[in-house]
Amino acid sequence: MTGREILHKIMKAKAGFGTSASDTGKGKSKISNHITHGFHLVKGKSSHPMEDYLVSEFKQEKDKELGLFAIFDGHLGHDVASYLQNHLFENILKQHDFWIETKSAVKRAYLETDEEILEQALVLGRGGSTAVTAILIDGQKLVIANVGDSRAVISENGKAKQLSVDHEPSKEKIYIESRGGFVSNIPGDVPRVDGQLAVARAFGDKSLKMHLSSEPDVVVQEVDQHTEFLILASDGIWKVMSNQEAVDSIRQIKDAQAAAKHLIEEAVSKKSKDDISCIVVKFQQ
């Protein structure tokens, strides 16, 4: 794909989730009517344009129904997050061994997508993005992957269980230093890679990539009668709410879209100033 074609795709994407102050929507599975999803996005208090993008949809792939859900939280611009919205799932599903060696296929797709982004740095800019993705296979199995601090949490009989890993610089200090970087720890601020980035893993960020990983953590979670719902959300929620607080906040809300909207409203009421995006997938009504 040429730089001009990539730029055209980005401009098309900007007409979607990336431009308005609030976006929202919902949908449901065709094979399991009791599985529904809803999403909501709200721009934060910053002066820059909205940097969050998401995917929330069901699609047919061969003889399987896939729920594709993702939060992309951009930084230093939104072009990398927009690129991920358009390409990451495509790259995951084209892996030849996705159905056999799912975890390794997802990891490979994340790394290959990051290579594409770095190769197009002149078009996409110097920024980056975190990501958390969830693939629901036939309503029975969840494949969760993430880089950064957007988070995936499920509710099992009302108990919160985090499926993603928060990639904090302080937790990966040895790795960062082994590659020639450093982790700043300035009083009043969060730890940062090379004094700049508050996550230890991300897509893009070409100037930091020598000290920054894009390898995701991947887990596979079975969906059973105890699985009530899944929350995917950017860190604008998790900065002000615990996993259990988020689960408790929406457990009695049956509509997935209303639940996603309520979670963001709760975060805003708790003084979260970041761009916030949230997806809720309900497995039980």
C-alpha atoms as a PDB file:
ATOM      1  CA  MET A   1       0.000   0.000   0.000  1.00  0.00           C
ATOM      2  CA  THR A   2       1.373   3.412  -0.947  1.00  0.00           C
ATOM      3  CA  GLY A   3       1.664   6.334   1.432  1.00  0.00           C
ATOM      4  CA  ARG A   4      -1.091   8.129  -0.494  1.00  0.00           C
ATOM      5  CA  GLU A   5      -3.455   5.146  -0.094  1.00  0.00           C
ATOM      6  CA  ILE A   6      -2.748   4.949   3.631  1.00  0.00           C
ATOM      7  CA  LEU A   7      -3.366   8.670   4.050  1.00  0.00           C
ATOM      8  CA  HIS A   8      -6.679   8.311   2.176  1.00  0.00           C
ATOM      9  CA  LYS A   9      -7.771   5.528   4.525  1.00  0.00           C
ATOM     10  CA  ILE A  10      -6.828   7.621   7.547  1.00  0.00           C
ATOM     11  CA  MET A  11      -8.838  10.581   6.299  1.00  0.00           C
ATOM     12  CA  LYS A  12     -11.850   8.318   5.792  1.00  0.00           C
ATOM     13  CA  ALA A  13     -11.469   6.977   9.327  1.00  0.00           C
ATOM     14  CA  LYS A  14     -11.297  10.497  10.734  1.00  0.00           C
ATOM     15  CA  ALA A  15     -14.857  10.996   9.531  1.00  0.00           C
ATOM     16  CA  GLY A  16     -15.896   8.291  11.981  1.00  0.00           C
ATOM     17  CA  PHE A  17     -15.109   7.861  15.651  1.00  0.00           C
ATOM     18  CA  GLY A  18     -12.230  10.284  15.786  1.00  0.00           C
ATOM     19  CA  THR A  19     -13.928  13.617  15.280  1.00  0.00           C
ATOM     20  CA  SER A  20     -17.029  14.081  17.413  1.00  0.00           C
ATOM     21  CA  ALA A  21     -17.234  14.695  21.147  1.00  0.00           C
ATOM     22  CA  SER A  22     -19.359  11.608  21.733  1.00  0.00           C
ATOM     23  CA  ASP A  23     -20.048   8.446  19.709  1.00  0.00           C
ATOM     24  CA  THR A  24     -22.199   5.527  20.688  1.00  0.00           C
ATOM     25  CA  GLY A  25     -23.743   2.379  19.245  1.00  0.00           C
ATOM     26  CA  LYS A  26     -24.864  -1.198  19.804  1.00  0.00           C
ATOM     27  CA  GLY A  27     -25.331  -4.571  18.118  1.00  0.00           C
ATOM     28  CA  LYS A  28     -25.932  -8.260  18.783  1.00  0.00           C
ATOM     29  CA  SER A  29     -24.816 -11.720  17.773  1.00  0.00           C
ATOM     30  CA  LYS A  30     -26.773 -13.489  15.041  1.00  0.00           C
ATOM     31  CA  ILE A  31     -26.112 -16.971  16.379  1.00  0.00           C
ATOM     32  CA  SER A  32     -26.670 -16.149  20.061  1.00  0.00           C
ATOM     33  CA  ASN A  33     -29.408 -13.568  20.543  1.00  0.00           C
ATOM     34  CA  HIS A  34     -28.564 -13.220  24.220  1.00  0.00           C
ATOM     35  CA  ILE A  35     -25.078 -11.855  23.386  1.00  0.00           C
ATOM     36  CA  THR A  36     -25.152  -8.094  22.807  1.00  0.00           C
ATOM     37  CA  HIS A  37     -22.554  -5.339  22.642  1.00  0.00           C
ATOM     38  CA  GLY A  38     -22.576  -1.590  23.043  1.00  0.00           C
ATOM     39  CA  PHE A  39     -19.955   1.148  22.914  1.00  0.00           C
ATOM     40  CA  HIS A  40     -19.545   4.770  23.919  1.00  0.00           C
ATOM     41  CA  LEU A  41     -16.744   7.330  23.451  1.00  0.00           C
ATOM     42  CA  VAL A  42     -16.318  10.784  24.973  1.00  0.00           C
ATOM     43  CA  LYS A  43     -13.606  13.330  24.227  1.00  0.00           C
ATOM     44  CA  GLY A  44     -11.684  14.505  27.269  1.00  0.00           C
ATOM     45  CA  LYS A  45     -10.693  17.966  28.457  1.00  0.00           C
ATOM     46  CA  SER A  46      -7.539  18.267  26.340  1.00  0.00           C
ATOM     47  CA  SER A  47      -7.282  20.709  23.450  1.00  0.00           C
ATOM     48  CA  HIS A  48      -6.134  18.119  20.897  1.00  0.00           C
ATOM     49  CA  PRO A  49      -8.599  16.139  18.726  1.00  0.00           C
ATOM     50  CA  MET A  50     -10.096  12.875  19.957  1.00  0.00           C
ATOM     51  CA  GLU A  51      -7.361  10.201  19.978  1.00  0.00           C
ATOM     52  CA  ASP A  52      -9.423   7.086  20.833  1.00  0.00           C
ATOM     53  CA  TYR A  53     -10.715   4.697  18.180  1.00  0.00           C
ATOM     54  CA  LEU A  54     -12.549   1.419  18.518  1.00  0.00           C
ATOM     55  CA  VAL A  55     -13.989  -1.608  16.755  1.00  0.00           C
ATOM     56  CA  SER A  56     -17.203  -3.238  17.996  1.00  0.00           C
ATOM     57  CA  GLU A  57     -18.903  -5.634  15.592  1.00  0.00           C
ATOM     58  CA  PHE A  58     -19.835  -9.197  14.711  1.00  0.00           C
ATOM     59  CA  LYS A  59     -18.764 -10.714  11.403  1.00  0.00           C
ATOM     60  CA  GLN A  60     -18.855 -14.088   9.683  1.00  0.00           C
ATOM     61  CA  GLU A  61     -15.454 -15.653   8.986  1.00  0.00           C
ATOM     62  CA  LYS A  62     -15.657 -18.978   7.133  1.00  0.00           C
ATOM     63  CA  ASP A  63     -18.038 -21.086   9.238  1.00  0.00           C
ATOM     64  CA  LYS A  64     -17.449 -19.103  12.441  1.00  0.00           C
ATOM     65  CA  GLU A  65     -19.081 -16.023  13.906  1.00  0.00           C
ATOM     66  CA  LEU A  66     -16.514 -13.650  15.327  1.00  0.00           C
ATOM     67  CA  GLY A  67     -17.132 -10.792  17.686  1.00  0.00           C
ATOM     68  CA  LEU A  68     -14.386  -8.229  17.071  1.00  0.00           C
ATOM     69  CA  PHE A  69     -13.896  -5.696  19.856  1.00  0.00           C
ATOM     70  CA  ALA A  70     -10.991  -3.289  20.365  1.00  0.00           C
ATOM     71  CA  ILE A  71      -9.971  -0.053  22.028  1.00  0.00           C
ATOM     72  CA  PHE A  72      -7.106   1.966  20.508  1.00  0.00           C
ATOM     73  CA  ASP A  73      -5.888   4.847  22.689  1.00  0.00           C
ATOM     74  CA  GLY A  74      -3.621   7.091  20.630  1.00  0.00           C
ATOM     75  CA  HIS A  75      -1.013   9.523  21.884  1.00  0.00           C
ATOM     76  CA  LEU A  76       0.873  12.343  20.138  1.00  0.00           C
ATOM     77  CA  GLY A  77      -1.798  12.250  17.442  1.00  0.00           C
ATOM     78  CA  HIS A  78      -4.492   9.822  16.376  1.00  0.00           C
ATOM     79  CA  ASP A  79      -3.199   8.461  13.048  1.00  0.00           C
ATOM     80  CA  VAL A  80      -1.644   5.306  14.528  1.00  0.00           C
ATOM     81  CA  ALA A  81      -4.863   4.482  16.416  1.00  0.00           C
ATOM     82  CA  SER A  82      -6.819   5.050  13.197  1.00  0.00           C
ATOM     83  CA  TYR A  83      -4.468   2.746  11.289  1.00  0.00           C
ATOM     84  CA  LEU A  84      -4.985   0.035  13.911  1.00  0.00           C
ATOM     85  CA  GLN A  85      -8.761   0.407  13.650  1.00  0.00           C
ATOM     86  CA  ASN A  86      -8.508  -0.345   9.940  1.00  0.00           C
ATOM     87  CA  HIS A  87      -5.798  -3.003   9.882  1.00  0.00           C
ATOM     88  CA  LEU A  88      -5.119  -4.892  13.118  1.00  0.00           C
ATOM     89  CA  PHE A  89      -7.984  -7.410  12.968  1.00  0.00           C
ATOM     90  CA  GLU A  90      -7.386  -7.861   9.236  1.00  0.00           C
ATOM     91  CA  ASN A  91      -3.778  -8.789   9.992  1.00  0.00           C
ATOM     92  CA  ILE A  92      -4.782 -11.131  12.814  1.00  0.00           C
ATOM     93  CA  LEU A  93      -7.327 -13.044  10.749  1.00  0.00           C
ATOM     94  CA  LYS A  94      -5.049 -13.486   7.750  1.00  0.00           C
ATOM     95  CA  GLN A  95      -2.497 -15.390   9.846  1.00  0.00           C
ATOM     96  CA  HIS A  96      -2.400 -18.915   8.412  1.00  0.00           C
ATOM     97  CA  ASP A  97      -2.427 -20.583  11.836  1.00  0.00           C
ATOM     98  CA  PHE A  98      -5.010 -18.370  13.573  1.00  0.00           C
ATOM     99  CA  TRP A  99      -7.440 -21.253  14.098  1.00  0.00           C
ATOM    100  CA  ILE A 100      -4.758 -23.690  15.267  1.00  0.00           C
ATOM    101  CA  GLU A 101      -2.152 -21.669  17.187  1.00  0.00           C
ATOM    102  CA  THR A 102      -4.325 -18.698  18.081  1.00  0.00           C
ATOM    103  CA  LYS A 103      -2.136 -17.068  20.727  1.00  0.00           C
ATOM    104  CA  SER A 104       1.048 -17.145  18.645  1.00  0.00           C
ATOM    105  CA  ALA A 105      -0.862 -15.940  15.570  1.00  0.00           C
ATOM    106  CA  VAL A 106      -2.218 -12.924  17.461  1.00  0.00           C
ATOM    107  CA  LYS A 107       1.242 -12.073  18.821  1.00  0.00           C
ATOM    108  CA  ARG A 108       2.737 -12.277  15.341  1.00  0.00           C
ATOM    109  CA  ALA A 109      -0.002 -10.067  13.890  1.00  0.00           C
ATOM    110  CA  TYR A 110       0.593  -7.405  16.561  1.00  0.00           C
ATOM    111  CA  LEU A 111       4.318  -7.348  15.795  1.00  0.00           C
ATOM    112  CA  GLU A 112       3.799  -7.314  12.014  1.00  0.00           C
ATOM    113  CA  THR A 113       1.292  -4.466  12.316  1.00  0.00           C
ATOM    114  CA  ASP A 114       3.768  -2.474  14.380  1.00  0.00           C
ATOM    115  CA  GLU A 115       6.395  -2.998  11.669  1.00  0.00           C
ATOM    116  CA  GLU A 116       3.935  -1.629   9.084  1.00  0.00           C
ATOM    117  CA  ILE A 117       3.311   1.421  11.259  1.00  0.00           C
ATOM    118  CA  LEU A 118       7.017   2.098  11.732  1.00  0.00           C
ATOM    119  CA  GLU A 119       7.629   1.761   7.983  1.00  0.00           C
ATOM    120  CA  GLN A 120       4.951   4.422   7.383  1.00  0.00           C
ATOM    121  CA  ALA A 121       6.189   6.825  10.065  1.00  0.00           C
ATOM    122  CA  LEU A 122       6.504   9.687   7.563  1.00  0.00           C
ATOM    123  CA  VAL A 123       2.768   9.378   6.838  1.00  0.00           C
ATOM    124  CA  LEU A 124       1.478   8.315  10.251  1.00  0.00           C
ATOM    125  CA  GLY A 125       3.627  10.680  12.300  1.00  0.00           C
ATOM    126  CA  ARG A 126       5.727  10.194  15.414  1.00  0.00           C
ATOM    127  CA  GLY A 127       2.899   9.169  17.739  1.00  0.00           C
ATOM    128  CA  GLY A 128       1.697   5.788  18.904  1.00  0.00           C
ATOM    129  CA  SER A 129      -1.195   3.917  20.425  1.00  0.00           C
ATOM    130  CA  THR A 130      -2.044   1.350  23.029  1.00  0.00           C
ATOM    131  CA  ALA A 131      -4.468  -1.453  22.158  1.00  0.00           C
ATOM    132  CA  VAL A 132      -6.668  -4.020  23.799  1.00  0.00           C
ATOM    133  CA  THR A 133      -8.458  -6.495  21.526  1.00  0.00           C
ATOM    134  CA  ALA A 134     -11.007  -9.215  22.131  1.00  0.00           C
ATOM    135  CA  ILE A 135     -12.078 -11.848  19.614  1.00  0.00           C
ATOM    136  CA  LEU A 136     -15.198 -13.799  20.596  1.00  0.00           C
ATOM    137  CA  ILE A 137     -15.383 -17.086  18.678  1.00  0.00           C
ATOM    138  CA  ASP A 138     -18.905 -18.513  18.253  1.00  0.00           C
ATOM    139  CA  GLY A 139     -19.898 -16.964  21.561  1.00  0.00           C
ATOM    140  CA  GLN A 140     -17.838 -19.550  23.416  1.00  0.00           C
ATOM    141  CA  LYS A 141     -14.212 -18.441  23.583  1.00  0.00           C
ATOM    142  CA  LEU A 142     -12.544 -15.071  24.135  1.00  0.00           C
ATOM    143  CA  VAL A 143      -9.069 -14.291  22.840  1.00  0.00           C
ATOM    144  CA  ILE A 144      -7.766 -11.200  24.648  1.00  0.00           C
ATOM    145  CA  ALA A 145      -4.566  -9.354  23.710  1.00  0.00           C
ATOM    146  CA  ASN A 146      -3.135  -6.011  24.722  1.00  0.00           C
ATOM    147  CA  VAL A 147      -0.208  -3.623  24.680  1.00  0.00           C
ATOM    148  CA  GLY A 148      -0.310  -0.649  27.028  1.00  0.00           C
ATOM    149  CA  ASP A 149      -2.816   0.230  29.709  1.00  0.00           C
ATOM    150  CA  SER A 150      -6.235  -0.098  28.106  1.00  0.00           C
ATOM    151  CA  ARG A 151      -7.864  -2.966  29.943  1.00  0.00           C
ATOM    152  CA  ALA A 152     -10.118  -6.015  29.534  1.00  0.00           C
ATOM    153  CA  VAL A 153     -12.170  -7.116  32.546  1.00  0.00           C
ATOM    154  CA  ILE A 154     -14.877  -9.765  32.787  1.00  0.00           C
ATOM    155  CA  SER A 155     -17.516 -10.294  35.435  1.00  0.00           C
ATOM    156  CA  GLU A 156     -17.905 -13.857  36.691  1.00  0.00           C
ATOM    157  CA  ASN A 157     -20.918 -14.097  39.005  1.00  0.00           C
ATOM    158  CA  GLY A 158     -20.332 -10.465  39.942  1.00  0.00           C
ATOM    159  CA  LYS A 159     -16.593 -10.841  40.612  1.00  0.00           C
ATOM    160  CA  ALA A 160     -14.200  -8.796  38.468  1.00  0.00           C
ATOM    161  CA  LYS A 161     -11.384 -10.645  36.695  1.00  0.00           C
ATOM    162  CA  GLN A 162      -8.762  -8.730  34.707  1.00  0.00           C
ATOM    163  CA  LEU A 163      -7.727 -10.508  31.502  1.00  0.00           C
ATOM    164  CA  SER A 164      -5.229  -7.946  30.191  1.00  0.00           C
ATOM    165  CA  VAL A 165      -1.896  -6.781  31.613  1.00  0.00           C
ATOM    166  CA  ASP A 166      -1.133  -3.144  32.453  1.00  0.00           C
ATOM    167  CA  HIS A 167       2.264  -2.542  30.853  1.00  0.00           C
ATOM    168  CA  GLU A 168       3.697  -0.009  33.269  1.00  0.00           C
ATOM    169  CA  PRO A 169       7.286   1.253  32.836  1.00  0.00           C
ATOM    170  CA  SER A 170       8.138   0.514  36.468  1.00  0.00           C
ATOM    171  CA  LYS A 171       7.213  -3.160  35.966  1.00  0.00           C
ATOM    172  CA  GLU A 172       9.390  -3.479  32.856  1.00  0.00           C
ATOM    173  CA  LYS A 173      12.320  -1.355  34.003  1.00  0.00           C
ATOM    174  CA  ILE A 174      14.875  -4.165  33.607  1.00  0.00           C
ATOM    175  CA  TYR A 175      13.828  -4.808  29.994  1.00  0.00           C
ATOM    176  CA  ILE A 176      13.862  -1.084  29.138  1.00  0.00           C
ATOM    177  CA  GLU A 177      17.291  -0.544  30.714  1.00  0.00           C
ATOM    178  CA  SER A 178      18.692  -3.647  29.001  1.00  0.00           C
ATOM    179  CA  ARG A 179      17.931  -1.966  25.674  1.00  0.00           C
ATOM    180  CA  GLY A 180      19.627   1.295  26.638  1.00  0.00           C
ATOM    181  CA  GLY A 181      16.591   3.202  27.909  1.00  0.00           C
ATOM    182  CA  PHE A 182      15.626   4.504  31.325  1.00  0.00           C
ATOM    183  CA  VAL A 183      12.509   4.898  33.432  1.00  0.00           C
ATOM    184  CA  SER A 184      11.997   8.315  35.007  1.00  0.00           C
ATOM    185  CA  ASN A 185      10.405   8.550  38.422  1.00  0.00           C
ATOM    186  CA  ILE A 186       9.808  12.239  39.035  1.00  0.00           C
ATOM    187  CA  PRO A 187       7.814  13.110  42.192  1.00  0.00           C
ATOM    188  CA  GLY A 188       4.272  14.069  41.282  1.00  0.00           C
ATOM    189  CA  ASP A 189       4.414  12.255  37.942  1.00  0.00           C
ATOM    190  CA  VAL A 190       3.978   8.651  36.810  1.00  0.00           C
ATOM    191  CA  PRO A 191       7.007   6.584  35.715  1.00  0.00           C
ATOM    192  CA  ARG A 192       7.811   7.144  32.030  1.00  0.00           C
ATOM    193  CA  VAL A 193       9.982   5.445  29.403  1.00  0.00           C
ATOM    194  CA  ASP A 194      12.882   7.837  28.684  1.00  0.00           C
ATOM    195  CA  GLY A 195      10.954  10.468  30.644  1.00  0.00           C
ATOM    196  CA  GLN A 196       8.255  10.567  27.963  1.00  0.00           C
ATOM    197  CA  LEU A 197       5.797   7.678  27.643  1.00  0.00           C
ATOM    198  CA  ALA A 198       3.727   6.357  30.561  1.00  0.00           C
ATOM    199  CA  VAL A 199       3.393   2.833  29.113  1.00  0.00           C
ATOM    200  CA  ALA A 200       6.110   0.256  28.460  1.00  0.00           C
ATOM    201  CA  ARG A 201       4.478  -1.264  25.353  1.00  0.00           C
ATOM    202  CA  ALA A 202       2.747   0.422  22.442  1.00  0.00           C
ATOM    203  CA  PHE A 203       2.374   0.527  18.678  1.00  0.00           C
ATOM    204  CA  GLY A 204       4.373   3.173  16.844  1.00  0.00           C
ATOM    205  CA  ASP A 205       6.442   5.694  18.829  1.00  0.00           C
ATOM    206  CA  LYS A 206       9.364   5.283  16.437  1.00  0.00           C
ATOM    207  CA  SER A 207      11.703   7.538  18.416  1.00  0.00           C
ATOM    208  CA  LEU A 208      11.288   5.300  21.497  1.00  0.00           C
ATOM    209  CA  LYS A 209      10.978   1.924  19.789  1.00  0.00           C
ATOM    210  CA  MET A 210      14.478   0.747  20.708  1.00  0.00           C
ATOM    211  CA  HIS A 211      13.353   0.843  24.338  1.00  0.00           C
ATOM    212  CA  LEU A 212       9.682   0.019  23.826  1.00  0.00           C
ATOM    213  CA  SER A 213       8.021  -3.335  23.116  1.00  0.00           C
ATOM    214  CA  SER A 214       4.953  -3.991  20.961  1.00  0.00           C
ATOM    215  CA  GLU A 215       4.627  -7.658  21.958  1.00  0.00           C
ATOM    216  CA  PRO A 216       1.171  -8.280  23.436  1.00  0.00           C
ATOM    217  CA  ASP A 217       0.122 -10.397  26.339  1.00  0.00           C
ATOM    218  CA  VAL A 218      -2.472 -12.888  25.049  1.00  0.00           C
ATOM    219  CA  VAL A 219      -4.919 -15.017  27.031  1.00  0.00           C
ATOM    220  CA  VAL A 220      -7.720 -17.360  26.010  1.00  0.00           C
ATOM    221  CA  GLN A 221     -10.810 -17.387  28.237  1.00  0.00           C
ATOM    222  CA  GLU A 222     -13.743 -19.784  27.941  1.00  0.00           C
ATOM    223  CA  VAL A 223     -17.201 -18.218  28.144  1.00  0.00           C
ATOM    224  CA  ASP A 224     -19.486 -20.270  30.390  1.00  0.00           C
ATOM    225  CA  GLN A 225     -22.638 -19.866  32.464  1.00  0.00           C
ATOM    226  CA  HIS A 226     -20.717 -17.821  35.043  1.00  0.00           C
ATOM    227  CA  THR A 227     -19.510 -15.216  32.506  1.00  0.00           C
ATOM    228  CA  GLU A 228     -21.823 -12.209  32.709  1.00  0.00           C
ATOM    229  CA  PHE A 229     -20.110  -9.504  30.663  1.00  0.00           C
ATOM    230  CA  LEU A 230     -16.851  -8.133  29.298  1.00  0.00           C
ATOM    231  CA  ILE A 231     -15.601  -4.562  29.655  1.00  0.00           C
ATOM    232  CA  LEU A 232     -12.967  -3.107  27.328  1.00  0.00           C
ATOM    233  CA  ALA A 233     -11.970   0.449  28.194  1.00  0.00           C
ATOM    234  CA  SER A 234      -9.175   2.951  27.832  1.00  0.00           C
ATOM    235  CA  ASP A 235      -7.249   4.110  30.879  1.00  0.00           C
ATOM    236  CA  GLY A 236      -9.504   7.123  31.368  1.00  0.00           C
ATOM    237  CA  ILE A 237     -11.803   4.765  33.274  1.00  0.00           C
ATOM    238  CA  TRP A 238      -9.160   2.736  35.102  1.00  0.00           C
ATOM    239  CA  LYS A 239      -7.378   5.819  36.450  1.00  0.00           C
ATOM    240  CA  VAL A 240     -10.413   6.570  38.617  1.00  0.00           C
ATOM    241  CA  MET A 241     -12.195   3.202  39.074  1.00  0.00           C
ATOM    242  CA  SER A 242     -11.090  -0.235  40.202  1.00  0.00           C
ATOM    243  CA  ASN A 243     -12.063  -3.334  38.232  1.00  0.00           C
ATOM    244  CA  GLN A 244     -14.620  -4.300  40.855  1.00  0.00           C
ATOM    245  CA  GLU A 245     -16.089  -0.798  41.000  1.00  0.00           C
ATOM    246  CA  ALA A 246     -16.601  -0.906  37.228  1.00  0.00           C
ATOM    247  CA  VAL A 247     -18.288  -4.315  37.399  1.00  0.00           C
ATOM    248  CA  ASP A 248     -20.521  -3.267  40.303  1.00  0.00           C
ATOM    249  CA  SER A 249     -21.455  -0.050  38.499  1.00  0.00           C
ATOM    250  CA  ILE A 250     -23.058  -1.788  35.505  1.00  0.00           C
ATOM    251  CA  ARG A 251     -23.991  -5.269  36.678  1.00  0.00           C
ATOM    252  CA  GLN A 252     -27.693  -4.418  36.937  1.00  0.00           C
ATOM    253  CA  ILE A 253     -27.830  -2.571  33.587  1.00  0.00           C
ATOM    254  CA  LYS A 254     -29.140  -4.993  30.955  1.00  0.00           C
ATOM    255  CA  ASP A 255     -28.530  -2.873  27.858  1.00  0.00           C
ATOM    256  CA  ALA A 256     -24.862  -3.055  26.812  1.00  0.00           C
ATOM    257  CA  GLN A 257     -24.799   0.401  25.225  1.00  0.00           C
ATOM    258  CA  ALA A 258     -26.379   1.982  28.294  1.00  0.00           C
ATOM    259  CA  ALA A 259     -23.815   0.164  30.455  1.00  0.00           C
ATOM    260  CA  ALA A 260     -20.879   1.514  28.420  1.00  0.00           C
ATOM    261  CA  LYS A 261     -22.322   5.032  28.585  1.00  0.00           C
ATOM    262  CA  HIS A 262     -22.901   4.746  32.330  1.00  0.00           C
ATOM    263  CA  LEU A 263     -19.319   3.635  32.974  1.00  0.00           C
ATOM    264  CA  ILE A 264     -17.940   6.663  31.166  1.00  0.00           C
ATOM    265  CA  GLU A 265     -20.321   8.991  32.993  1.00  0.00           C
ATOM    266  CA  GLU A 266     -19.135   7.492  36.283  1.00  0.00           C
ATOM    267  CA  ALA A 267     -15.500   8.081  35.321  1.00  0.00           C
ATOM    268  CA  VAL A 268     -16.209  11.676  34.306  1.00  0.00           C
ATOM    269  CA  SER A 269     -18.028  12.258  37.598  1.00  0.00           C
ATOM    270  CA  LYS A 270     -14.871  11.041  39.338  1.00  0.00           C
ATOM    271  CA  LYS A 271     -12.883  13.773  37.529  1.00  0.00           C
ATOM    272  CA  SER A 272     -11.344  11.717  34.728  1.00  0.00           C
ATOM    273  CA  LYS A 273     -10.140  14.254  32.155  1.00  0.00           C
ATOM    274  CA  ASP A 274      -8.817  11.849  29.499  1.00  0.00           C
ATOM    275  CA  ASP A 275     -10.456  10.774  26.247  1.00  0.00           C
ATOM    276  CA  ILE A 276     -12.506   7.727  27.263  1.00  0.00           C
ATOM    277  CA  SER A 277     -13.769   4.829  25.169  1.00  0.00           C
ATOM    278  CA  CYS A 278     -15.643   1.816  26.453  1.00  0.00           C
ATOM    279  CA  ILE A 279     -17.165  -1.378  25.036  1.00  0.00           C
ATOM    280  CA  VAL A 280     -19.446  -3.699  27.003  1.00  0.00           C
ATOM    281  CA  VAL A 281     -20.300  -7.200  25.754  1.00  0.00           C
ATOM    282  CA  LYS A 282     -23.206  -8.801  27.617  1.00  0.00           C
ATOM    283  CA  PHE A 283     -23.353 -12.593  27.640  1.00  0.00           C
ATOM    284  CA  GLN A 284     -26.464 -12.873  29.815  1.00  0.00           C
ATOM    285  CA  GLN A 285     -29.674 -10.841  29.843  1.00  0.00           C
END
